[in-house]
PDB file of N, CA and C in Angstrom:
ATOM      1  N   MET A   1     -36.498 -22.434 -15.743  1.00  0.00           N
ATOM      2  CA  MET A   1     -35.134 -22.980 -16.458  1.00  0.00           C
ATOM      3  C   MET A   1     -33.973 -23.310 -15.085  1.00  0.00           C
ATOM      4  N   PHE A   2     -33.617 -24.012 -15.126  1.00  0.00           N
ATOM      5  CA  PHE A   2     -32.549 -24.156 -13.908  1.00  0.00           C
ATOM      6  C   PHE A   2     -31.323 -24.293 -14.568  1.00  0.00           C
ATOM      7  N   ILE A   3     -30.280 -23.743 -14.202  1.00  0.00           N
ATOM      8  CA  ILE A   3     -28.915 -23.488 -14.651  1.00  0.00           C
ATOM      9  C   ILE A   3     -27.760 -23.532 -13.740  1.00  0.00           C
ATOM     10  N   LEU A   4     -27.249 -24.442 -13.761  1.00  0.00           N
ATOM     11  CA  LEU A   4     -26.024 -24.689 -13.012  1.00  0.00           C
ATOM     12  C   LEU A   4     -24.844 -23.781 -13.150  1.00  0.00           C
ATOM     13  N   ILE A   5     -24.279 -23.391 -11.758  1.00  0.00           N
ATOM     14  CA  ILE A   5     -23.232 -22.427 -12.408  1.00  0.00           C
ATOM     15  C   ILE A   5     -22.337 -23.209 -10.933  1.00  0.00           C
ATOM     16  N   ILE A   6     -21.382 -23.315 -11.335  1.00  0.00           N
ATOM     17  CA  ILE A   6     -19.774 -23.646 -10.754  1.00  0.00           C
ATOM     18  C   ILE A   6     -18.726 -22.489 -10.447  1.00  0.00           C
ATOM     19  N   ILE A   7     -18.339 -22.557  -9.303  1.00  0.00           N
ATOM     20  CA  ILE A   7     -17.378 -21.282  -9.168  1.00  0.00           C
ATOM     21  C   ILE A   7     -16.235 -21.495  -8.487  1.00  0.00           C
ATOM     22  N   VAL A   8     -14.985 -21.124  -9.201  1.00  0.00           N
ATOM     23  CA  VAL A   8     -13.655 -21.696  -7.747  1.00  0.00           C
ATOM     24  C   VAL A   8     -13.409 -20.524  -7.481  1.00  0.00           C
ATOM     25  N   ILE A   9     -13.136 -20.334  -5.919  1.00  0.00           N
ATOM     26  CA  ILE A   9     -13.018 -18.925  -5.354  1.00  0.00           C
ATOM     27  C   ILE A   9     -11.839 -19.326  -4.520  1.00  0.00           C
ATOM     28  N   CYS A  10     -10.791 -19.367  -4.611  1.00  0.00           N
ATOM     29  CA  CYS A  10      -9.551 -19.879  -3.779  1.00  0.00           C
ATOM     30  C   CYS A  10      -9.382 -21.107  -3.641  1.00  0.00           C
ATOM     31  N   GLY A  11      -9.645 -21.775  -4.354  1.00  0.00           N
ATOM     32  CA  GLY A  11      -9.731 -23.258  -4.054  1.00  0.00           C
ATOM     33  C   GLY A  11     -11.048 -23.772  -3.314  1.00  0.00           C
ATOM     34  N   LEU A  12     -11.996 -23.113  -3.536  1.00  0.00           N
ATOM     35  CA  LEU A  12     -13.407 -23.533  -2.837  1.00  0.00           C
ATOM     36  C   LEU A  12     -14.375 -23.539  -4.063  1.00  0.00           C
ATOM     37  N   PHE A  13     -15.243 -24.505  -3.939  1.00  0.00           N
ATOM     38  CA  PHE A  13     -16.085 -24.833  -5.096  1.00  0.00           C
ATOM     39  C   PHE A  13     -17.508 -24.276  -4.589  1.00  0.00           C
ATOM     40  N   ILE A  14     -17.925 -23.261  -5.190  1.00  0.00           N
ATOM     41  CA  ILE A  14     -19.471 -23.427  -4.886  1.00  0.00           C
ATOM     42  C   ILE A  14     -19.936 -23.330  -6.102  1.00  0.00           C
ATOM     43  N   VAL A  15     -21.254 -24.024  -5.793  1.00  0.00           N
ATOM     44  CA  VAL A  15     -22.582 -24.930  -6.925  1.00  0.00           C
ATOM     45  C   VAL A  15     -23.588 -23.973  -6.518  1.00  0.00           C
ATOM     46  N   ALA A  16     -24.087 -23.130  -7.072  1.00  0.00           N
ATOM     47  CA  ALA A  16     -25.378 -22.526  -7.216  1.00  0.00           C
ATOM     48  C   ALA A  16     -26.657 -22.642  -8.281  1.00  0.00           C
ATOM     49  N   ASN A  17     -27.791 -22.338  -7.996  1.00  0.00           N
ATOM     50  CA  ASN A  17     -28.434 -22.389  -9.455  1.00  0.00           C
ATOM     51  C   ASN A  17     -28.959 -20.506  -9.563  1.00  0.00           C
ATOM     52  N   THR A  18     -29.341 -20.617 -10.451  1.00  0.00           N
ATOM     53  CA  THR A  18     -29.509 -19.314 -10.791  1.00  0.00           C
ATOM     54  C   THR A  18     -30.189 -18.066  -9.769  1.00  0.00           C
ATOM     55  N   SER A  19     -31.422 -18.843  -9.066  1.00  0.00           N
ATOM     56  CA  SER A  19     -31.933 -18.367  -7.798  1.00  0.00           C
ATOM     57  C   SER A  19     -30.705 -17.847  -6.741  1.00  0.00           C
ATOM     58  N   ASP A  20     -29.659 -18.576  -6.475  1.00  0.00           N
ATOM     59  CA  ASP A  20     -28.778 -18.240  -5.340  1.00  0.00           C
ATOM     60  C   ASP A  20     -27.595 -17.325  -5.822  1.00  0.00           C
ATOM     61  N   LEU A  21     -27.605 -16.639  -6.913  1.00  0.00           N
ATOM     62  CA  LEU A  21     -26.809 -15.874  -7.017  1.00  0.00           C
ATOM     63  C   LEU A  21     -26.769 -14.539  -6.506  1.00  0.00           C
ATOM     64  N   SER A  22     -27.641 -13.815  -5.508  1.00  0.00           N
ATOM     65  CA  SER A  22     -27.868 -12.785  -4.788  1.00  0.00           C
ATOM     66  C   SER A  22     -26.934 -13.449  -3.926  1.00  0.00           C
ATOM     67  N   LEU A  23     -27.217 -14.671  -3.271  1.00  0.00           N
ATOM     68  CA  LEU A  23     -26.098 -14.973  -1.952  1.00  0.00           C
ATOM     69  C   LEU A  23     -24.830 -14.900  -2.926  1.00  0.00           C
ATOM     70  N   LEU A  24     -24.457 -15.125  -3.643  1.00  0.00           N
ATOM     71  CA  LEU A  24     -22.405 -15.108  -4.181  1.00  0.00           C
ATOM     72  C   LEU A  24     -22.575 -13.622  -4.460  1.00  0.00           C
ATOM     73  N   ALA A  25     -23.281 -12.688  -4.719  1.00  0.00           N
ATOM     74  CA  ALA A  25     -23.053 -11.297  -4.690  1.00  0.00           C
ATOM     75  C   ALA A  25     -22.520 -10.999  -3.373  1.00  0.00           C
ATOM     76  N   ASN A  26     -22.692 -11.533  -2.350  1.00  0.00           N
ATOM     77  CA  ASN A  26     -22.231 -10.773  -0.861  1.00  0.00           C
ATOM     78  C   ASN A  26     -21.039 -11.818  -0.431  1.00  0.00           C
ATOM     79  N   PHE A  27     -21.167 -12.709  -1.302  1.00  0.00           N
ATOM     80  CA  PHE A  27     -19.666 -13.801  -0.747  1.00  0.00           C
ATOM     81  C   PHE A  27     -18.253 -12.985  -0.545  1.00  0.00           C
ATOM     82  N   GLN A  28     -17.794 -12.910   0.188  1.00  0.00           N
ATOM     83  CA  GLN A  28     -16.476 -12.357  -0.283  1.00  0.00           C
ATOM     84  C   GLN A  28     -15.193 -13.057   0.702  1.00  0.00           C
ATOM     85  N   ILE A  29     -14.184 -13.228   0.403  1.00  0.00           N
ATOM     86  CA  ILE A  29     -13.116 -13.617   1.091  1.00  0.00           C
ATOM     87  C   ILE A  29     -12.326 -12.498   1.487  1.00  0.00           C
ATOM     88  N   MET A  30     -12.204 -12.365   2.498  1.00  0.00           N
ATOM     89  CA  MET A  30     -11.690 -10.752   2.847  1.00  0.00           C
ATOM     90  C   MET A  30      -9.494 -11.172   3.556  1.00  0.00           C
ATOM     91  N   GLU A  31      -9.142 -11.271   2.516  1.00  0.00           N
ATOM     92  CA  GLU A  31      -7.715 -11.546   2.673  1.00  0.00           C
ATOM     93  C   GLU A  31      -7.572 -10.053   2.686  1.00  0.00           C
ATOM     94  N   GLN A  32      -6.114 -10.121   3.209  1.00  0.00           N
ATOM     95  CA  GLN A  32      -5.217  -8.854   3.181  1.00  0.00           C
ATOM     96  C   GLN A  32      -3.672  -9.180   3.636  1.00  0.00           C
ATOM     97  N   THR A  33      -2.957  -8.371   3.834  1.00  0.00           N
ATOM     98  CA  THR A  33      -1.853  -8.469   3.721  1.00  0.00           C
ATOM     99  C   THR A  33      -0.994  -7.680   4.620  1.00  0.00           C
ATOM    100  N   ILE A  34      -0.064  -8.438   5.103  1.00  0.00           N
ATOM    101  CA  ILE A  34       0.660  -7.620   6.768  1.00  0.00           C
ATOM    102  C   ILE A  34       1.939  -7.557   6.502  1.00  0.00           C
ATOM    103  N   SER A  35       3.149  -6.628   6.653  1.00  0.00           N
ATOM    104  CA  SER A  35       4.452  -6.282   7.344  1.00  0.00           C
ATOM    105  C   SER A  35       4.671  -7.101   8.365  1.00  0.00           C
ATOM    106  N   ILE A  36       5.719  -8.290   8.393  1.00  0.00           N
ATOM    107  CA  ILE A  36       6.429  -8.627   9.901  1.00  0.00           C
ATOM    108  C   ILE A  36       7.607  -8.395   9.934  1.00  0.00           C
ATOM    109  N   THR A  37       8.237  -7.656  10.723  1.00  0.00           N
ATOM    110  CA  THR A  37       9.579  -7.548  10.853  1.00  0.00           C
ATOM    111  C   THR A  37      10.029  -8.220  12.204  1.00  0.00           C
ATOM    112  N   VAL A  38      10.934  -8.956  12.556  1.00  0.00           N
ATOM    113  CA  VAL A  38      11.405  -9.649  13.697  1.00  0.00           C
ATOM    114  C   VAL A  38      12.354  -9.466  13.560  1.00  0.00           C
ATOM    115  N   SER A  39      12.445  -9.033  15.401  1.00  0.00           N
ATOM    116  CA  SER A  39      14.084  -8.465  15.791  1.00  0.00           C
ATOM    117  C   SER A  39      14.781  -9.657  17.244  1.00  0.00           C
ATOM    118  N   GLY A  40      15.806  -9.216  16.744  1.00  0.00           N
ATOM    119  CA  GLY A  40      16.233 -10.117  17.979  1.00  0.00           C
ATOM    120  C   GLY A  40      17.292 -11.201  17.097  1.00  0.00           C
ATOM    121  N   LEU A  41      17.717 -12.424  18.079  1.00  0.00           N
ATOM    122  CA  LEU A  41      18.437 -13.393  17.216  1.00  0.00           C
ATOM    123  C   LEU A  41      17.429 -14.089  16.253  1.00  0.00           C
ATOM    124  N   VAL A  42      17.450 -13.936  15.250  1.00  0.00           N
ATOM    125  CA  VAL A  42      16.800 -14.496  14.293  1.00  0.00           C
ATOM    126  C   VAL A  42      17.107 -15.101  13.152  1.00  0.00           C
ATOM    127  N   GLN A  43      18.667 -14.394  13.212  1.00  0.00           N
ATOM    128  CA  GLN A  43      19.287 -15.208  11.724  1.00  0.00           C
ATOM    129  C   GLN A  43      20.183 -16.296  12.219  1.00  0.00           C
ATOM    130  N   GLY A  44      20.522 -17.408  11.080  1.00  0.00           N
ATOM    131  CA  GLY A  44      21.422 -18.252  11.713  1.00  0.00           C
ATOM    132  C   GLY A  44      20.663 -19.727  12.276  1.00  0.00           C
ATOM    133  N   VAL A  45      19.533 -18.971  12.776  1.00  0.00           N
ATOM    134  CA  VAL A  45      18.561 -20.037  13.587  1.00  0.00           C
ATOM    135  C   VAL A  45      17.489 -20.953  12.727  1.00  0.00           C
ATOM    136  N   TYR A  46      17.086 -21.025  11.468  1.00  0.00           N
ATOM    137  CA  TYR A  46      16.153 -21.386  10.763  1.00  0.00           C
ATOM    138  C   TYR A  46      14.688 -20.767  10.871  1.00  0.00           C
ATOM    139  N   TYR A  47      15.104 -19.559  11.241  1.00  0.00           N
ATOM    140  CA  TYR A  47      13.492 -18.463  11.376  1.00  0.00           C
ATOM    141  C   TYR A  47      13.015 -18.980   9.908  1.00  0.00           C
ATOM    142  N   ARG A  48      13.762 -18.291   8.930  1.00  0.00           N
ATOM    143  CA  ARG A  48      12.930 -18.314   7.513  1.00  0.00           C
ATOM    144  C   ARG A  48      12.177 -19.735   7.135  1.00  0.00           C
ATOM    145  N   GLN A  49      12.954 -20.444   7.461  1.00  0.00           N
ATOM    146  CA  GLN A  49      12.775 -21.921   7.082  1.00  0.00           C
ATOM    147  C   GLN A  49      11.052 -22.098   8.033  1.00  0.00           C
ATOM    148  N   SER A  50      11.065 -22.112   9.098  1.00  0.00           N
ATOM    149  CA  SER A  50      10.486 -22.470  10.152  1.00  0.00           C
ATOM    150  C   SER A  50       9.271 -21.639   9.903  1.00  0.00           C
ATOM    151  N   ALA A  51       9.119 -20.283   9.516  1.00  0.00           N
ATOM    152  CA  ALA A  51       8.328 -19.440   9.083  1.00  0.00           C
ATOM    153  C   ALA A  51       7.589 -19.886   7.955  1.00  0.00           C
ATOM    154  N   LYS A  52       8.166 -20.419   6.942  1.00  0.00           N
ATOM    155  CA  LYS A  52       7.663 -20.539   5.503  1.00  0.00           C
ATOM    156  C   LYS A  52       7.004 -22.160   6.155  1.00  0.00           C
ATOM    157  N   GLU A  53       7.170 -22.747   6.363  1.00  0.00           N
ATOM    158  CA  GLU A  53       6.634 -24.293   7.275  1.00  0.00           C
ATOM    159  C   GLU A  53       5.244 -23.890   7.995  1.00  0.00           C
ATOM    160  N   LYS A  54       5.363 -22.791   8.972  1.00  0.00           N
ATOM    161  CA  LYS A  54       4.145 -22.724   9.695  1.00  0.00           C
ATOM    162  C   LYS A  54       3.187 -21.727   8.650  1.00  0.00           C
ATOM    163  N   ALA A  55       3.625 -21.078   8.067  1.00  0.00           N
ATOM    164  CA  ALA A  55       2.836 -19.872   6.941  1.00  0.00           C
ATOM    165  C   ALA A  55       1.887 -21.200   6.350  1.00  0.00           C
ATOM    166  N   LEU A  56       2.526 -22.144   5.677  1.00  0.00           N
ATOM    167  CA  LEU A  56       2.061 -22.801   4.662  1.00  0.00           C
ATOM    168  C   LEU A  56       1.140 -23.558   5.357  1.00  0.00           C
ATOM    169  N   GLU A  57       1.304 -24.300   6.405  1.00  0.00           N
ATOM    170  CA  GLU A  57       0.347 -25.065   7.450  1.00  0.00           C
ATOM    171  C   GLU A  57      -0.865 -24.317   7.630  1.00  0.00           C
ATOM    172  N   LEU A  58      -0.542 -22.874   7.751  1.00  0.00           N
ATOM    173  CA  LEU A  58      -1.895 -21.894   7.891  1.00  0.00           C
ATOM    174  C   LEU A  58      -2.459 -21.713   6.884  1.00  0.00           C
ATOM    175  N   GLY A  59      -2.029 -22.340   5.341  1.00  0.00           N
ATOM    176  CA  GLY A  59      -2.609 -21.607   4.399  1.00  0.00           C
ATOM    177  C   GLY A  59      -2.206 -20.190   4.194  1.00  0.00           C
ATOM    178  N   ILE A  60      -0.959 -19.703   4.274  1.00  0.00           N
ATOM    179  CA  ILE A  60      -0.803 -18.327   4.195  1.00  0.00           C
ATOM    180  C   ILE A  60       0.309 -18.072   3.273  1.00  0.00           C
ATOM    181  N   SER A  61      -0.052 -17.326   1.834  1.00  0.00           N
ATOM    182  CA  SER A  61       0.796 -17.111   0.844  1.00  0.00           C
ATOM    183  C   SER A  61       1.667 -15.587   1.369  1.00  0.00           C
ATOM    184  N   GLY A  62       2.906 -15.635   0.549  1.00  0.00           N
ATOM    185  CA  GLY A  62       4.064 -14.635   1.019  1.00  0.00           C
ATOM    186  C   GLY A  62       5.088 -15.024   0.641  1.00  0.00           C
ATOM    187  N   ILE A  63       6.497 -13.809   1.157  1.00  0.00           N
ATOM    188  CA  ILE A  63       8.329 -14.211   1.190  1.00  0.00           C
ATOM    189  C   ILE A  63       8.279 -14.050   2.368  1.00  0.00           C
ATOM    190  N   VAL A  64       9.544 -14.485   2.994  1.00  0.00           N
ATOM    191  CA  VAL A  64      10.352 -14.701   4.117  1.00  0.00           C
ATOM    192  C   VAL A  64      11.703 -13.975   3.791  1.00  0.00           C
ATOM    193  N   LYS A  65      12.354 -12.819   4.267  1.00  0.00           N
ATOM    194  CA  LYS A  65      13.932 -12.664   3.915  1.00  0.00           C
ATOM    195  C   LYS A  65      14.715 -12.226   5.003  1.00  0.00           C
ATOM    196  N   ASN A  66      15.828 -12.371   5.111  1.00  0.00           N
ATOM    197  CA  ASN A  66      16.669 -11.866   5.924  1.00  0.00           C
ATOM    198  C   ASN A  66      16.612 -10.526   5.448  1.00  0.00           C
ATOM    199  N   LEU A  67      17.259  -9.295   6.575  1.00  0.00           N
ATOM    200  CA  LEU A  67      17.323  -8.207   6.484  1.00  0.00           C
ATOM    201  C   LEU A  67      19.123  -7.817   6.755  1.00  0.00           C
ATOM    202  N   PRO A  68      19.619  -6.713   6.579  1.00  0.00           N
ATOM    203  CA  PRO A  68      21.090  -6.921   6.527  1.00  0.00           C
ATOM    204  C   PRO A  68      21.211  -6.464   8.052  1.00  0.00           C
ATOM    205  N   ASN A  69      20.289  -5.858   8.980  1.00  0.00           N
ATOM    206  CA  ASN A  69      20.347  -5.264   9.823  1.00  0.00           C
ATOM    207  C   ASN A  69      20.177  -6.495  10.708  1.00  0.00           C
ATOM    208  N   GLY A  70      20.095  -7.930  10.516  1.00  0.00           N
ATOM    209  CA  GLY A  70      19.588  -9.012  11.465  1.00  0.00           C
ATOM    210  C   GLY A  70      18.649  -9.401  11.772  1.00  0.00           C
ATOM    211  N   ASN A  71      17.595  -8.524  11.325  1.00  0.00           N
ATOM    212  CA  ASN A  71      16.219  -8.923  11.335  1.00  0.00           C
ATOM    213  C   ASN A  71      15.599  -9.560  10.261  1.00  0.00           C
ATOM    214  N   VAL A  72      14.334 -10.589  10.340  1.00  0.00           N
ATOM    215  CA  VAL A  72      13.751 -11.222   9.063  1.00  0.00           C
ATOM    216  C   VAL A  72      12.566 -10.422   9.168  1.00  0.00           C
ATOM    217  N   HIS A  73      12.462 -10.370   7.308  1.00  0.00           N
ATOM    218  CA  HIS A  73      10.802  -9.537   7.503  1.00  0.00           C
ATOM    219  C   HIS A  73      10.418 -10.609   6.612  1.00  0.00           C
ATOM    220  N   ILE A  74       8.531 -10.285   6.784  1.00  0.00           N
ATOM    221  CA  ILE A  74       8.032 -11.057   6.282  1.00  0.00           C
ATOM    222  C   ILE A  74       6.639 -10.664   5.878  1.00  0.00           C
ATOM    223  N   LEU A  75       6.426 -10.763   4.223  1.00  0.00           N
ATOM    224  CA  LEU A  75       5.473 -10.132   4.205  1.00  0.00           C
ATOM    225  C   LEU A  75       4.089 -11.290   3.297  1.00  0.00           C
ATOM    226  N   ALA A  76       3.086 -10.985   4.343  1.00  0.00           N
ATOM    227  CA  ALA A  76       2.152 -12.580   4.718  1.00  0.00           C
ATOM    228  C   ALA A  76       0.380 -11.745   3.767  1.00  0.00           C
ATOM    229  N   SER A  77       0.232 -12.843   2.825  1.00  0.00           N
ATOM    230  CA  SER A  77      -1.234 -12.554   2.643  1.00  0.00           C
ATOM    231  C   SER A  77      -2.231 -14.156   3.018  1.00  0.00           C
ATOM    232  N   GLY A  78      -3.432 -13.268   3.876  1.00  0.00           N
ATOM    233  CA  GLY A  78      -4.096 -14.545   4.318  1.00  0.00           C
ATOM    234  C   GLY A  78      -5.196 -14.048   5.022  1.00  0.00           C
ATOM    235  N   THR A  79      -6.111 -14.482   5.505  1.00  0.00           N
ATOM    236  CA  THR A  79      -7.326 -14.149   6.363  1.00  0.00           C
ATOM    237  C   THR A  79      -6.958 -13.723   7.554  1.00  0.00           C
ATOM    238  N   ALA A  80      -7.668 -12.232   7.954  1.00  0.00           N
ATOM    239  CA  ALA A  80      -7.150 -12.110   9.638  1.00  0.00           C
ATOM    240  C   ALA A  80      -7.166 -13.148  10.411  1.00  0.00           C
ATOM    241  N   ASN A  81      -7.703 -14.585  10.581  1.00  0.00           N
ATOM    242  CA  ASN A  81      -7.517 -15.343  11.976  1.00  0.00           C
ATOM    243  C   ASN A  81      -6.171 -15.811  11.300  1.00  0.00           C
ATOM    244  N   GLN A  82      -5.732 -16.497  10.046  1.00  0.00           N
ATOM    245  CA  GLN A  82      -4.652 -17.025   9.674  1.00  0.00           C
ATOM    246  C   GLN A  82      -3.431 -16.250  10.089  1.00  0.00           C
ATOM    247  N   LEU A  83      -3.379 -14.818   9.687  1.00  0.00           N
ATOM    248  CA  LEU A  83      -2.103 -13.832   9.823  1.00  0.00           C
ATOM    249  C   LEU A  83      -2.491 -13.403  11.414  1.00  0.00           C
ATOM    250  N   ASP A  84      -3.128 -13.471  12.360  1.00  0.00           N
ATOM    251  CA  ASP A  84      -2.946 -13.190  13.535  1.00  0.00           C
ATOM    252  C   ASP A  84      -2.133 -14.715  14.392  1.00  0.00           C
ATOM    253  N   GLU A  85      -2.004 -15.799  13.500  1.00  0.00           N
ATOM    254  CA  GLU A  85      -1.866 -17.079  14.280  1.00  0.00           C
ATOM    255  C   GLU A  85      -0.364 -16.816  13.817  1.00  0.00           C
ATOM    256  N   LEU A  86      -0.096 -16.583  12.501  1.00  0.00           N
ATOM    257  CA  LEU A  86       1.168 -16.289  12.169  1.00  0.00           C
ATOM    258  C   LEU A  86       1.611 -15.355  13.233  1.00  0.00           C
ATOM    259  N   VAL A  87       1.491 -14.173  13.462  1.00  0.00           N
ATOM    260  CA  VAL A  87       2.103 -13.500  14.311  1.00  0.00           C
ATOM    261  C   VAL A  87       2.046 -13.955  15.630  1.00  0.00           C
ATOM    262  N   HIS A  88       1.474 -14.831  16.450  1.00  0.00           N
ATOM    263  CA  HIS A  88       1.176 -15.564  17.336  1.00  0.00           C
ATOM    264  C   HIS A  88       2.966 -16.158  17.437  1.00  0.00           C
ATOM    265  N   TRP A  89       3.035 -17.066  16.414  1.00  0.00           N
ATOM    266  CA  TRP A  89       3.902 -17.911  16.330  1.00  0.00           C
ATOM    267  C   TRP A  89       5.381 -16.983  16.322  1.00  0.00           C
ATOM    268  N   CYS A  90       5.388 -16.052  15.132  1.00  0.00           N
ATOM    269  CA  CYS A  90       6.456 -15.243  15.135  1.00  0.00           C
ATOM    270  C   CYS A  90       6.829 -14.809  16.502  1.00  0.00           C
ATOM    271  N   LYS A  91       6.406 -14.456  17.167  1.00  0.00           N
ATOM    272  CA  LYS A  91       6.549 -13.665  18.700  1.00  0.00           C
ATOM    273  C   LYS A  91       7.619 -14.832  19.471  1.00  0.00           C
ATOM    274  N   GLN A  92       7.279 -16.359  19.405  1.00  0.00           N
ATOM    275  CA  GLN A  92       8.106 -17.398  19.762  1.00  0.00           C
ATOM    276  C   GLN A  92       9.405 -17.608  18.504  1.00  0.00           C
ATOM    277  N   GLY A  93       9.209 -17.901  17.394  1.00  0.00           N
ATOM    278  CA  GLY A  93       9.646 -18.497  16.210  1.00  0.00           C
ATOM    279  C   GLY A  93      10.141 -20.063  16.574  1.00  0.00           C
ATOM    280  N   PRO A  94      11.246 -20.346  16.168  1.00  0.00           N
ATOM    281  CA  PRO A  94      11.789 -21.802  15.859  1.00  0.00           C
ATOM    282  C   PRO A  94      12.512 -21.986  17.118  1.00  0.00           C
ATOM    283  N   PRO A  95      12.917 -23.433  17.782  1.00  0.00           N
ATOM    284  CA  PRO A  95      13.484 -23.394  18.938  1.00  0.00           C
ATOM    285  C   PRO A  95      14.825 -22.682  19.714  1.00  0.00           C
ATOM    286  N   HIS A  96      15.650 -22.123  18.826  1.00  0.00           N
ATOM    287  CA  HIS A  96      17.128 -21.463  18.881  1.00  0.00           C
ATOM    288  C   HIS A  96      16.691 -20.443  18.682  1.00  0.00           C
ATOM    289  N   ALA A  97      15.424 -19.701  18.467  1.00  0.00           N
ATOM    290  CA  ALA A  97      15.497 -18.015  18.079  1.00  0.00           C
ATOM    291  C   ALA A  97      15.542 -17.577  19.551  1.00  0.00           C
ATOM    292  N   LYS A  98      15.509 -16.422  19.420  1.00  0.00           N
ATOM    293  CA  LYS A  98      15.587 -15.621  20.432  1.00  0.00           C
ATOM    294  C   LYS A  98      15.161 -14.199  20.159  1.00  0.00           C
ATOM    295  N   VAL A  99      13.649 -14.192  20.284  1.00  0.00           N
ATOM    296  CA  VAL A  99      12.840 -12.406  19.478  1.00  0.00           C
ATOM    297  C   VAL A  99      12.888 -11.675  20.589  1.00  0.00           C
ATOM    298  N   SER A 100      13.059 -10.771  20.446  1.00  0.00           N
ATOM    299  CA  SER A 100      12.916  -9.723  20.952  1.00  0.00           C
ATOM    300  C   SER A 100      11.759  -8.678  21.143  1.00  0.00           C
ATOM    301  N   SER A 101      11.319  -8.820  19.465  1.00  0.00           N
ATOM    302  CA  SER A 101      10.543  -7.942  18.997  1.00  0.00           C
ATOM    303  C   SER A 101       9.742  -8.536  18.073  1.00  0.00           C
ATOM    304  N   VAL A 102       8.149  -7.800  17.493  1.00  0.00           N
ATOM    305  CA  VAL A 102       7.566  -8.155  16.442  1.00  0.00           C
ATOM    306  C   VAL A 102       6.827  -6.418  16.180  1.00  0.00           C
ATOM    307  N   ASN A 103       7.256  -6.202  14.813  1.00  0.00           N
ATOM    308  CA  ASN A 103       6.567  -5.719  14.514  1.00  0.00           C
ATOM    309  C   ASN A 103       5.658  -5.959  13.095  1.00  0.00           C
ATOM    310  N   VAL A 104       4.416  -5.385  13.352  1.00  0.00           N
ATOM    311  CA  VAL A 104       3.167  -5.905  12.311  1.00  0.00           C
ATOM    312  C   VAL A 104       2.602  -4.611  11.626  1.00  0.00           C
ATOM    313  N   GLU A 105       2.620  -4.110  10.436  1.00  0.00           N
ATOM    314  CA  GLU A 105       2.044  -3.388   9.790  1.00  0.00           C
ATOM    315  C   GLU A 105       0.989  -3.906   8.662  1.00  0.00           C
ATOM    316  N   THR A 106      -0.031  -3.170   8.496  1.00  0.00           N
ATOM    317  CA  THR A 106      -0.533  -3.453   7.236  1.00  0.00           C
ATOM    318  C   THR A 106      -0.262  -2.754   6.220  1.00  0.00           C
ATOM    319  N   ALA A 107       0.007  -3.879   5.182  1.00  0.00           N
ATOM    320  CA  ALA A 107       0.609  -3.543   3.934  1.00  0.00           C
ATOM    321  C   ALA A 107      -0.531  -3.760   2.638  1.00  0.00           C
ATOM    322  N   VAL A 108      -0.036  -3.108   1.726  1.00  0.00           N
ATOM    323  CA  VAL A 108      -0.965  -2.792   0.052  1.00  0.00           C
ATOM    324  C   VAL A 108      -1.193  -4.680  -0.075  1.00  0.00           C
ATOM    325  N   PRO A 109      -2.875  -4.712  -0.272  1.00  0.00           N
ATOM    326  CA  PRO A 109      -2.966  -6.130  -0.865  1.00  0.00           C
ATOM    327  C   PRO A 109      -2.139  -6.613  -2.168  1.00  0.00           C
ATOM    328  N   GLN A 110      -1.635  -7.965  -1.924  1.00  0.00           N
ATOM    329  CA  GLN A 110      -0.762  -8.694  -2.082  1.00  0.00           C
ATOM    330  C   GLN A 110      -1.023  -9.815  -2.764  1.00  0.00           C
ATOM    331  N   VAL A 111      -1.418 -10.229  -3.814  1.00  0.00           N
ATOM    332  CA  VAL A 111      -1.226 -11.664  -4.130  1.00  0.00           C
ATOM    333  C   VAL A 111       0.305 -12.245  -4.143  1.00  0.00           C
ATOM    334  N   PHE A 112       0.436 -13.584  -3.725  1.00  0.00           N
ATOM    335  CA  PHE A 112       1.491 -14.445  -4.275  1.00  0.00           C
ATOM    336  C   PHE A 112       1.375 -15.796  -4.382  1.00  0.00           C
ATOM    337  N   MET A 113       2.259 -16.633  -4.949  1.00  0.00           N
ATOM    338  CA  MET A 113       2.128 -17.629  -5.473  1.00  0.00           C
ATOM    339  C   MET A 113       2.825 -18.707  -4.299  1.00  0.00           C
ATOM    340  N   GLY A 114       1.998 -19.365  -3.595  1.00  0.00           N
ATOM    341  CA  GLY A 114       2.976 -20.152  -2.615  1.00  0.00           C
ATOM    342  C   GLY A 114       3.607 -18.962  -1.837  1.00  0.00           C
ATOM    343  N   PHE A 115       4.603 -19.701  -0.659  1.00  0.00           N
ATOM    344  CA  PHE A 115       5.296 -18.961   0.407  1.00  0.00           C
ATOM    345  C   PHE A 115       6.896 -19.029  -0.085  1.00  0.00           C
ATOM    346  N   VAL A 116       7.497 -18.090  -0.081  1.00  0.00           N
ATOM    347  CA  VAL A 116       9.059 -18.360  -0.582  1.00  0.00           C
ATOM    348  C   VAL A 116       9.886 -17.885   0.419  1.00  0.00           C
ATOM    349  N   ILE A 117      11.072 -18.604   0.181  1.00  0.00           N
ATOM    350  CA  ILE A 117      12.230 -17.790   1.081  1.00  0.00           C
ATOM    351  C   ILE A 117      13.380 -16.947   0.061  1.00  0.00           C
ATOM    352  N   GLU A 118      13.190 -15.933   0.189  1.00  0.00           N
ATOM    353  CA  GLU A 118      13.891 -15.134  -0.445  1.00  0.00           C
ATOM    354  C   GLU A 118      15.065 -15.178   0.034  1.00  0.00           C
ATOM    355  N   ARG A 119      16.125 -15.474  -0.882  1.00  0.00           N
ATOM    356  CA  ARG A 119      17.699 -15.607  -0.589  1.00  0.00           C
ATOM    357  C   ARG A 119      18.389 -13.921  -0.687  1.00  0.00           C
ATOM    358  N   SER A 120      19.231 -13.757   0.328  1.00  0.00           N
ATOM    359  CA  SER A 120      19.986 -12.628   0.088  1.00  0.00           C
ATOM    360  C   SER A 120      20.965 -12.387  -0.657  1.00  0.00           C
TER     361      SER A 120
END
């Protein structure tokens, strides 16, 4: 007997018959969450808006906010490759930013709905 199974995982459609279920058991999307703190001249230069645009372009979800000490903090969830690209972008930032350091730490995995700017 042939049974068609359609599974949606993170927007990806997977179609399988019952004989393919062993393949699905090994299918994992390795998403992770990182915490990024960006220091330098990063407030008042559209860093948060630009970070949001870059994250959405890369398919990353999360939040970005200004910190009272002048830094910008980002919590981002995505694949390792997506997050690596975001971290690389953070080191430069938007045109008027002057980034002095980017600190990246692994965070507890989180699920976000899109990517939002948290207002202070």
